[in-house]
Protein backbone atom coordinates (compact mmCIF):
# COMPACT_ATOMS: atom_id res chain seq x y z
CA UNK A 1 -34.67 40.59 -15.18
CA UNK A 2 -35.92 42.30 -12.05
CA UNK A 3 -35.65 45.91 -10.90
CA UNK A 4 -36.16 46.48 -7.19
CA UNK A 5 -36.87 49.58 -5.09
CA UNK A 6 -37.86 49.79 -1.46
CA UNK A 7 -39.38 52.31 0.90
CA UNK A 8 -40.04 51.25 4.47
CA UNK A 9 -42.14 48.11 4.42
CA UNK A 10 -43.11 48.66 0.77
CA UNK A 11 -41.22 46.80 -1.93
CA UNK A 12 -41.53 47.67 -5.62
CA UNK A 13 -40.45 45.25 -8.33
CA UNK A 14 -40.66 45.38 -12.09
CA UNK A 15 -40.07 42.06 -13.84
CA UNK A 16 -39.35 41.65 -17.53
CA UNK A 17 -38.31 38.71 -19.64
CA UNK A 18 -38.08 35.40 -17.79
CA UNK A 19 -37.23 35.40 -14.08
CA UNK A 20 -34.46 33.01 -13.06
CA UNK A 21 -32.47 32.00 -9.98
CA UNK A 22 -30.23 35.08 -10.27
CA UNK A 23 -33.32 37.29 -9.91
CA UNK A 24 -34.47 35.33 -6.86
CA UNK A 25 -31.01 35.61 -5.34
CA UNK A 26 -31.65 39.38 -5.33
CA UNK A 27 -35.32 39.30 -4.37
CA UNK A 28 -35.61 36.79 -1.57
CA UNK A 29 -32.94 38.14 0.80
CA UNK A 30 -34.47 41.62 0.56
CA UNK A 31 -37.98 40.30 1.19
CA UNK A 32 -36.77 38.31 4.20
CA UNK A 33 -34.88 41.34 5.52
CA UNK A 34 -38.01 43.50 5.26
CA UNK A 35 -40.16 40.84 6.93
CA UNK A 36 -37.67 40.63 9.81
CA UNK A 37 -37.66 44.42 10.16
CA UNK A 38 -41.41 45.11 9.75
CA UNK A 39 -43.21 41.76 10.29
CA UNK A 40 -45.69 42.70 7.51
CA UNK A 41 -44.76 43.98 4.06
CA UNK A 42 -46.56 45.37 1.03
CA UNK A 43 -45.41 44.23 -2.38
CA UNK A 44 -45.88 45.94 -5.74
CA UNK A 45 -45.03 43.54 -8.56
CA UNK A 46 -45.26 44.81 -12.13
CA UNK A 47 -44.83 42.55 -15.16
CA UNK A 48 -43.56 44.33 -18.28
CA UNK A 49 -42.89 42.21 -21.36
CA UNK A 50 -42.95 39.35 -18.87
CA UNK A 51 -42.38 35.80 -20.10
CA UNK A 52 -42.72 33.92 -16.81
CA UNK A 53 -40.21 31.96 -14.74
CA UNK A 54 -37.65 29.25 -15.19
CA UNK A 55 -38.98 26.09 -13.47
CA UNK A 56 -36.66 26.42 -10.47
CA UNK A 57 -37.36 30.15 -10.07
CA UNK A 58 -41.11 29.41 -10.13
CA UNK A 59 -40.61 26.81 -7.39
CA UNK A 60 -38.65 29.31 -5.28
CA UNK A 61 -41.42 31.89 -5.73
CA UNK A 62 -44.16 29.47 -4.75
CA UNK A 63 -42.20 28.21 -1.74
CA UNK A 64 -41.52 31.76 -0.50
CA UNK A 65 -45.16 32.79 -0.95
CA UNK A 66 -46.49 29.77 0.94
CA UNK A 67 -43.99 30.13 3.79
CA UNK A 68 -44.51 33.88 4.18
CA UNK A 69 -48.16 34.52 3.38
CA UNK A 70 -48.72 35.61 6.98
CA UNK A 71 -46.19 38.40 6.48
CA UNK A 72 -47.73 39.82 3.31
CA UNK A 73 -50.24 42.59 3.94
CA UNK A 74 -51.00 43.79 0.41
CA UNK A 75 -49.77 42.55 -2.95
CA UNK A 76 -50.44 44.57 -6.10
CA UNK A 77 -49.91 42.65 -9.32
CA UNK A 78 -49.65 44.93 -12.34
CA UNK A 79 -49.81 43.24 -15.70
CA UNK A 80 -50.53 43.55 -19.36
CA UNK A 81 -51.95 40.14 -20.28
CA UNK A 82 -55.08 38.18 -19.45
CA UNK A 83 -53.10 35.20 -18.09
CA UNK A 84 -51.54 37.50 -15.48
CA UNK A 85 -54.98 38.54 -14.28
CA UNK A 86 -56.09 34.90 -14.16
CA UNK A 87 -52.94 33.96 -12.24
CA UNK A 88 -53.78 36.63 -9.64
CA UNK A 89 -57.34 35.35 -9.32
CA UNK A 90 -56.02 31.81 -8.80
CA UNK A 91 -53.60 33.01 -6.11
CA UNK A 92 -56.52 34.55 -4.23
CA UNK A 93 -58.12 31.12 -3.89
CA UNK A 94 -55.26 29.92 -1.67
CA UNK A 95 -54.64 32.84 0.66
CA UNK A 96 -56.28 35.56 2.70
CA UNK A 97 -53.61 38.09 1.66
CA UNK A 98 -55.03 41.12 -0.14
CA UNK A 99 -53.82 40.44 -3.69
CA UNK A 100 -55.24 42.77 -6.33
CA UNK A 101 -54.62 42.80 -10.05
CA UNK A 102 -54.21 46.11 -11.89
CA UNK A 103 -53.88 46.69 -15.62
CA UNK A 104 -50.69 48.43 -16.69
CA UNK A 105 -52.45 51.77 -17.23
CA UNK A 106 -53.45 51.66 -13.54
CA UNK A 107 -49.88 51.22 -12.23
CA UNK A 108 -50.01 54.51 -10.31
CA UNK A 109 -53.27 53.50 -8.64
CA UNK A 110 -51.65 50.18 -7.69
CA UNK A 111 -48.73 51.98 -6.06
CA UNK A 112 -51.10 54.27 -4.16
CA UNK A 113 -53.10 51.26 -2.97
CA UNK A 114 -49.96 49.48 -1.73
CA UNK A 115 -48.88 52.62 0.14
CA UNK A 116 -52.28 53.33 1.73
């Protein structure tokens, strides 16, 4: 399940459980709309009791990220598990987008960073 808020070119998402195509049907049009409106967006993505993605949803995520990395200014990944931090570090190997990992207790700092 995904909860989404937006403010200007900043997008805030909180994911829980396992993300599926229904979640991406909500997410991707909004992200594209914001990219069209602002050219560059900042993305706050928090994982709470997160179990990952269905295979097709993961593919959609990867495809969007690769196609739009030039439109992402800052990405804050907020998590609660070591694998989430490692995933963020791996993502940084393949892009020049500013992607930072924050532990859950630093969620407010992550939001401030995205907004700065």
